[in-house]
Amino acid sequence: MRTLFLTAVLLVTALASQAQEIVKLYPDDTMKDSIVYKNGTSILVINRVDLVNYMKGMDTVLQKTCYSDNRAFHNVQFSHLTAQEIESHFTSAQAFLADSTHTNLEYSTDKFVQFWTEGENILLPYIEDMLSSLLTDGRIKVIDKSTQKSVPQYTIFWEDIAGQPFKIYKLPSGKIIFRESNHYIEQFAGSGAAR
């Protein structure tokens, strides 16, 4: 009986240790003209270069598919767009980002932003689409709103929705920084809701 109990404890411990990953952040002094994304718990500072590189990569992918594959984006907001709508929105966003007068971009989840909004908000769906990969790679500065201090590390947890794994990024305090399932389309795959 004792062996069975010990085996169960070891199994639970092993599974729990696989269910999370710690991301350590290192200071990035190269950030210039950064983009700020605020939510209820955190302030995320993104290097503008990362957004520019994301847009270049996405441009190549979209042109190869003639803008007809809305699955190139994870963000659920793109799921119902036609090829013409994707091309229109993406090229408008690219033009806005390429304009050197558009600096000091700041976004807040406290404000409701419609998808087709013009101006700096046209970039928001793309920023949210790339947030998870930036957080996974530790390429983002994370500030805890409650302390106004930059965190040296945060934790990635996984949740399962309809058999699909989604990441949840949490501050050391346990508050959620970003939850993939709030933005990503895969959660609707299989249910038919994405199309």
C-alpha atoms as a PDB file:
ATOM      1  CA  MET A   1       0.000   0.000   0.000  1.00  0.00           C
ATOM      2  CA  ARG A   2       2.809   2.355   0.901  1.00  0.00           C
ATOM      3  CA  THR A   3       4.516   1.661  -2.481  1.00  0.00           C
ATOM      4  CA  LEU A   4       1.283   2.414  -4.348  1.00  0.00           C
ATOM      5  CA  PHE A   5       0.870   5.698  -2.460  1.00  0.00           C
ATOM      6  CA  LEU A   6       4.502   6.671  -3.116  1.00  0.00           C
ATOM      7  CA  THR A   7       4.124   5.847  -6.818  1.00  0.00           C
ATOM      8  CA  ALA A   8       0.970   7.978  -7.037  1.00  0.00           C
ATOM      9  CA  VAL A   9       2.695  10.911  -5.333  1.00  0.00           C
ATOM     10  CA  LEU A  10       5.679  10.666  -7.688  1.00  0.00           C
ATOM     11  CA  LEU A  11       3.377  10.491 -10.707  1.00  0.00           C
ATOM     12  CA  VAL A  12       1.410  13.564  -9.603  1.00  0.00           C
ATOM     13  CA  THR A  13       4.652  15.461  -8.906  1.00  0.00           C
ATOM     14  CA  ALA A  14       6.054  14.542 -12.328  1.00  0.00           C
ATOM     15  CA  LEU A  15       2.877  15.654 -14.097  1.00  0.00           C
ATOM     16  CA  ALA A  16       2.736  18.900 -12.127  1.00  0.00           C
ATOM     17  CA  SER A  17       6.333  19.720 -12.988  1.00  0.00           C
ATOM     18  CA  GLN A  18       5.585  19.221 -16.696  1.00  0.00           C
ATOM     19  CA  ALA A  19       2.513  21.445 -16.507  1.00  0.00           C
ATOM     20  CA  GLN A  20       4.531  24.600 -16.014  1.00  0.00           C
ATOM     21  CA  GLU A  21       7.609  26.270 -17.369  1.00  0.00           C
ATOM     22  CA  ILE A  22       9.516  29.231 -15.968  1.00  0.00           C
ATOM     23  CA  VAL A  23      10.663  31.960 -18.356  1.00  0.00           C
ATOM     24  CA  LYS A  24      13.529  34.095 -17.099  1.00  0.00           C
ATOM     25  CA  LEU A  25      13.847  37.574 -18.530  1.00  0.00           C
ATOM     26  CA  TYR A  26      17.045  39.459 -19.139  1.00  0.00           C
ATOM     27  CA  PRO A  27      17.262  43.236 -19.534  1.00  0.00           C
ATOM     28  CA  ASP A  28      17.053  44.372 -23.153  1.00  0.00           C
ATOM     29  CA  ASP A  29      18.755  47.728 -23.536  1.00  0.00           C
ATOM     30  CA  THR A  30      18.269  47.681 -27.307  1.00  0.00           C
ATOM     31  CA  MET A  31      14.570  48.539 -27.122  1.00  0.00           C
ATOM     32  CA  LYS A  32      13.860  51.762 -28.956  1.00  0.00           C
ATOM     33  CA  ASP A  33      10.426  53.015 -29.948  1.00  0.00           C
ATOM     34  CA  SER A  34       8.791  50.212 -27.994  1.00  0.00           C
ATOM     35  CA  ILE A  35       5.106  49.314 -27.964  1.00  0.00           C
ATOM     36  CA  VAL A  36       3.217  49.189 -24.653  1.00  0.00           C
ATOM     37  CA  TYR A  37       0.354  46.724 -24.106  1.00  0.00           C
ATOM     38  CA  LYS A  38      -1.505  47.074 -20.790  1.00  0.00           C
ATOM     39  CA  ASN A  39      -4.013  44.709 -19.262  1.00  0.00           C
ATOM     40  CA  GLY A  40      -5.545  44.377 -15.804  1.00  0.00           C
ATOM     41  CA  THR A  41      -2.445  42.898 -14.171  1.00  0.00           C
ATOM     42  CA  SER A  42       0.546  43.790 -16.303  1.00  0.00           C
ATOM     43  CA  ILE A  43       2.286  46.215 -18.606  1.00  0.00           C
ATOM     44  CA  LEU A  44       3.999  44.467 -21.506  1.00  0.00           C
ATOM     45  CA  VAL A  45       6.714  46.345 -23.358  1.00  0.00           C
ATOM     46  CA  ILE A  46       7.322  44.995 -26.853  1.00  0.00           C
ATOM     47  CA  ASN A  47      10.275  45.856 -29.057  1.00  0.00           C
ATOM     48  CA  ARG A  48       8.933  47.495 -32.233  1.00  0.00           C
ATOM     49  CA  VAL A  49      11.500  45.505 -34.229  1.00  0.00           C
ATOM     50  CA  ASP A  50       9.701  42.299 -33.216  1.00  0.00           C
ATOM     51  CA  LEU A  51       6.416  43.612 -34.642  1.00  0.00           C
ATOM     52  CA  VAL A  52       8.141  44.738 -37.848  1.00  0.00           C
ATOM     53  CA  ASN A  53       9.724  41.278 -38.245  1.00  0.00           C
ATOM     54  CA  TYR A  54       6.379  39.574 -37.547  1.00  0.00           C
ATOM     55  CA  MET A  55       4.669  41.713 -40.210  1.00  0.00           C
ATOM     56  CA  LYS A  56       7.409  40.921 -42.771  1.00  0.00           C
ATOM     57  CA  GLY A  57       7.081  37.202 -42.121  1.00  0.00           C
ATOM     58  CA  MET A  58       3.299  37.333 -42.254  1.00  0.00           C
ATOM     59  CA  ASP A  59       3.440  39.334 -45.498  1.00  0.00           C
ATOM     60  CA  THR A  60       5.393  36.512 -47.146  1.00  0.00           C
ATOM     61  CA  VAL A  61       2.958  33.868 -45.884  1.00  0.00           C
ATOM     62  CA  LEU A  62      -0.138  35.827 -46.928  1.00  0.00           C
ATOM     63  CA  GLN A  63       1.181  36.638 -50.396  1.00  0.00           C
ATOM     64  CA  LYS A  64       1.999  32.962 -51.008  1.00  0.00           C
ATOM     65  CA  THR A  65      -1.602  32.025 -50.187  1.00  0.00           C
ATOM     66  CA  CYS A  66      -3.067  35.055 -52.010  1.00  0.00           C
ATOM     67  CA  TYR A  67      -4.503  36.191 -48.649  1.00  0.00           C
ATOM     68  CA  SER A  68      -6.945  33.267 -48.733  1.00  0.00           C
ATOM     69  CA  ASP A  69      -5.760  31.417 -45.608  1.00  0.00           C
ATOM     70  CA  ASN A  70      -7.191  33.129 -42.534  1.00  0.00           C
ATOM     71  CA  ARG A  71      -5.696  30.283 -40.459  1.00  0.00           C
ATOM     72  CA  ALA A  72      -2.298  31.949 -40.868  1.00  0.00           C
ATOM     73  CA  PHE A  73      -3.406  33.984 -37.851  1.00  0.00           C
ATOM     74  CA  HIS A  74      -4.125  32.459 -34.461  1.00  0.00           C
ATOM     75  CA  ASN A  75      -6.205  35.420 -33.295  1.00  0.00           C
ATOM     76  CA  VAL A  76      -9.926  34.622 -33.501  1.00  0.00           C
ATOM     77  CA  GLN A  77     -10.694  38.068 -34.968  1.00  0.00           C
ATOM     78  CA  PHE A  78      -9.338  36.963 -38.357  1.00  0.00           C
ATOM     79  CA  SER A  79     -11.435  33.789 -38.569  1.00  0.00           C
ATOM     80  CA  HIS A  80     -14.358  35.212 -40.558  1.00  0.00           C
ATOM     81  CA  LEU A  81     -12.433  37.469 -42.953  1.00  0.00           C
ATOM     82  CA  THR A  82     -12.422  36.946 -46.706  1.00  0.00           C
ATOM     83  CA  ALA A  83      -9.182  37.100 -48.695  1.00  0.00           C
ATOM     84  CA  GLN A  84     -10.002  40.663 -49.792  1.00  0.00           C
ATOM     85  CA  GLU A  85     -10.664  41.745 -46.202  1.00  0.00           C
ATOM     86  CA  ILE A  86      -7.424  40.173 -44.962  1.00  0.00           C
ATOM     87  CA  GLU A  87      -5.456  41.909 -47.716  1.00  0.00           C
ATOM     88  CA  SER A  88      -7.127  45.266 -47.037  1.00  0.00           C
ATOM     89  CA  HIS A  89      -6.631  45.124 -43.286  1.00  0.00           C
ATOM     90  CA  PHE A  90      -3.090  43.776 -43.449  1.00  0.00           C
ATOM     91  CA  THR A  91      -1.846  46.270 -46.030  1.00  0.00           C
ATOM     92  CA  SER A  92      -3.403  49.144 -44.053  1.00  0.00           C
ATOM     93  CA  ALA A  93      -1.691  47.903 -40.880  1.00  0.00           C
ATOM     94  CA  GLN A  94       1.632  47.545 -42.711  1.00  0.00           C
ATOM     95  CA  ALA A  95       1.365  51.084 -44.059  1.00  0.00           C
ATOM     96  CA  PHE A  96       0.614  52.439 -40.588  1.00  0.00           C
ATOM     97  CA  LEU A  97       3.585  50.603 -39.058  1.00  0.00           C
ATOM     98  CA  ALA A  98       5.933  51.709 -41.864  1.00  0.00           C
ATOM     99  CA  ASP A  99       5.101  55.392 -41.272  1.00  0.00           C
ATOM    100  CA  SER A 100       7.986  56.750 -39.193  1.00  0.00           C
ATOM    101  CA  THR A 101       5.754  59.371 -37.540  1.00  0.00           C
ATOM    102  CA  HIS A 102       3.804  56.651 -35.710  1.00  0.00           C
ATOM    103  CA  THR A 103       5.805  56.190 -32.524  1.00  0.00           C
ATOM    104  CA  ASN A 104       5.030  55.629 -28.832  1.00  0.00           C
ATOM    105  CA  LEU A 105       2.221  53.167 -29.497  1.00  0.00           C
ATOM    106  CA  GLU A 106       0.236  52.258 -26.396  1.00  0.00           C
ATOM    107  CA  TYR A 107      -2.654  49.821 -26.055  1.00  0.00           C
ATOM    108  CA  SER A 108      -4.911  48.982 -23.142  1.00  0.00           C
ATOM    109  CA  THR A 109      -7.380  46.143 -22.747  1.00  0.00           C
ATOM    110  CA  ASP A 110      -9.465  48.563 -20.652  1.00  0.00           C
ATOM    111  CA  LYS A 111     -10.630  50.155 -23.905  1.00  0.00           C
ATOM    112  CA  PHE A 112     -12.892  48.376 -26.356  1.00  0.00           C
ATOM    113  CA  VAL A 113     -11.373  48.427 -29.836  1.00  0.00           C
ATOM    114  CA  GLN A 114     -13.265  47.334 -32.926  1.00  0.00           C
ATOM    115  CA  PHE A 115     -11.360  45.251 -35.455  1.00  0.00           C
ATOM    116  CA  TRP A 116     -11.773  47.701 -38.346  1.00  0.00           C
ATOM    117  CA  THR A 117     -10.697  50.730 -36.313  1.00  0.00           C
ATOM    118  CA  GLU A 118      -8.234  52.953 -38.159  1.00  0.00           C
ATOM    119  CA  GLY A 119      -5.133  54.593 -36.742  1.00  0.00           C
ATOM    120  CA  GLU A 120      -2.827  52.880 -34.268  1.00  0.00           C
ATOM    121  CA  ASN A 121      -5.543  50.422 -33.199  1.00  0.00           C
ATOM    122  CA  ILE A 122      -5.295  48.712 -36.585  1.00  0.00           C
ATOM    123  CA  LEU A 123      -2.119  47.038 -35.264  1.00  0.00           C
ATOM    124  CA  LEU A 124      -3.744  45.588 -32.124  1.00  0.00           C
ATOM    125  CA  PRO A 125      -4.930  42.249 -33.611  1.00  0.00           C
ATOM    126  CA  TYR A 126      -1.411  41.586 -34.935  1.00  0.00           C
ATOM    127  CA  ILE A 127       0.178  42.453 -31.599  1.00  0.00           C
ATOM    128  CA  GLU A 128      -2.200  40.084 -29.812  1.00  0.00           C
ATOM    129  CA  ASP A 129      -1.487  37.416 -32.443  1.00  0.00           C
ATOM    130  CA  MET A 130       2.260  37.502 -31.716  1.00  0.00           C
ATOM    131  CA  LEU A 131       2.118  38.052 -27.920  1.00  0.00           C
ATOM    132  CA  SER A 132       2.229  34.384 -27.006  1.00  0.00           C
ATOM    133  CA  SER A 133       5.353  33.660 -29.037  1.00  0.00           C
ATOM    134  CA  LEU A 134       7.103  36.734 -27.593  1.00  0.00           C
ATOM    135  CA  LEU A 135       6.168  35.673 -24.058  1.00  0.00           C
ATOM    136  CA  THR A 136       7.299  32.093 -24.678  1.00  0.00           C
ATOM    137  CA  ASP A 137      10.657  33.335 -25.982  1.00  0.00           C
ATOM    138  CA  GLY A 138      11.068  35.848 -23.141  1.00  0.00           C
ATOM    139  CA  ARG A 139      11.369  38.668 -25.687  1.00  0.00           C
ATOM    140  CA  ILE A 140       9.108  41.036 -23.807  1.00  0.00           C
ATOM    141  CA  LYS A 141       9.472  43.232 -20.740  1.00  0.00           C
ATOM    142  CA  VAL A 142       6.786  42.408 -18.172  1.00  0.00           C
ATOM    143  CA  ILE A 143       5.892  44.903 -15.450  1.00  0.00           C
ATOM    144  CA  ASP A 144       3.601  43.907 -12.568  1.00  0.00           C
ATOM    145  CA  LYS A 145       0.978  46.672 -12.313  1.00  0.00           C
ATOM    146  CA  SER A 146       0.550  46.217  -8.568  1.00  0.00           C
ATOM    147  CA  THR A 147       4.226  46.891  -7.798  1.00  0.00           C
ATOM    148  CA  GLN A 148       5.145  48.871 -10.942  1.00  0.00           C
ATOM    149  CA  LYS A 149       8.330  46.783 -11.092  1.00  0.00           C
ATOM    150  CA  SER A 150       9.704  44.693 -13.900  1.00  0.00           C
ATOM    151  CA  VAL A 151       9.483  40.966 -13.127  1.00  0.00           C
ATOM    152  CA  PRO A 152      12.627  38.850 -13.557  1.00  0.00           C
ATOM    153  CA  GLN A 153      10.589  35.785 -14.557  1.00  0.00           C
ATOM    154  CA  TYR A 154       7.081  34.468 -15.089  1.00  0.00           C
ATOM    155  CA  THR A 155       5.500  31.053 -15.441  1.00  0.00           C
ATOM    156  CA  ILE A 156       3.753  29.307 -18.324  1.00  0.00           C
ATOM    157  CA  PHE A 157       0.917  26.934 -17.467  1.00  0.00           C
ATOM    158  CA  TRP A 158      -1.213  24.904 -19.850  1.00  0.00           C
ATOM    159  CA  GLU A 159      -4.962  24.471 -20.003  1.00  0.00           C
ATOM    160  CA  ASP A 160      -6.853  21.984 -22.135  1.00  0.00           C
ATOM    161  CA  ILE A 161      -9.864  23.135 -24.137  1.00  0.00           C
ATOM    162  CA  ALA A 162     -11.564  20.483 -26.257  1.00  0.00           C
ATOM    163  CA  GLY A 163      -8.324  18.514 -26.473  1.00  0.00           C
ATOM    164  CA  GLN A 164      -6.262  21.540 -27.524  1.00  0.00           C
ATOM    165  CA  PRO A 165      -3.447  22.822 -25.254  1.00  0.00           C
ATOM    166  CA  PHE A 166      -3.362  26.571 -24.587  1.00  0.00           C
ATOM    167  CA  LYS A 167      -0.796  28.536 -22.625  1.00  0.00           C
ATOM    168  CA  ILE A 168      -1.527  30.752 -19.652  1.00  0.00           C
ATOM    169  CA  TYR A 169       1.252  33.155 -18.664  1.00  0.00           C
ATOM    170  CA  LYS A 170       1.312  34.129 -14.990  1.00  0.00           C
ATOM    171  CA  LEU A 171       3.207  36.643 -12.890  1.00  0.00           C
ATOM    172  CA  PRO A 172       5.143  35.353  -9.855  1.00  0.00           C
ATOM    173  CA  SER A 173       2.141  36.522  -7.799  1.00  0.00           C
ATOM    174  CA  GLY A 174      -0.088  34.095  -9.729  1.00  0.00           C
ATOM    175  CA  LYS A 175      -2.011  36.788 -11.629  1.00  0.00           C
ATOM    176  CA  ILE A 176      -2.569  36.094 -15.315  1.00  0.00           C
ATOM    177  CA  ILE A 177      -0.499  38.082 -17.811  1.00  0.00           C
ATOM    178  CA  PHE A 178      -1.994  36.587 -20.990  1.00  0.00           C
ATOM    179  CA  ARG A 179      -4.311  33.672 -21.741  1.00  0.00           C
ATOM    180  CA  GLU A 180      -4.021  32.235 -25.260  1.00  0.00           C
ATOM    181  CA  SER A 181      -7.517  30.785 -25.286  1.00  0.00           C
ATOM    182  CA  ASN A 182      -9.002  34.289 -25.092  1.00  0.00           C
ATOM    183  CA  HIS A 183      -7.485  35.186 -28.460  1.00  0.00           C
ATOM    184  CA  TYR A 184      -6.717  32.028 -30.414  1.00  0.00           C
ATOM    185  CA  ILE A 185      -8.905  30.349 -32.975  1.00  0.00           C
ATOM    186  CA  GLU A 186      -7.879  26.727 -32.306  1.00  0.00           C
ATOM    187  CA  GLN A 187     -10.249  26.610 -29.359  1.00  0.00           C
ATOM    188  CA  PHE A 188     -13.093  26.637 -31.857  1.00  0.00           C
ATOM    189  CA  ALA A 189     -11.627  23.991 -34.159  1.00  0.00           C
ATOM    190  CA  GLY A 190     -13.749  20.919 -34.315  1.00  0.00           C
ATOM    191  CA  SER A 191     -16.816  22.758 -33.029  1.00  0.00           C
ATOM    192  CA  GLY A 192     -17.420  24.445 -36.394  1.00  0.00           C
ATOM    193  CA  ALA A 193     -17.632  27.863 -34.745  1.00  0.00           C
ATOM    194  CA  ALA A 194     -14.535  29.192 -36.496  1.00  0.00           C
ATOM    195  CA  ARG A 195     -15.981  29.149 -39.967  1.00  0.00           C
END
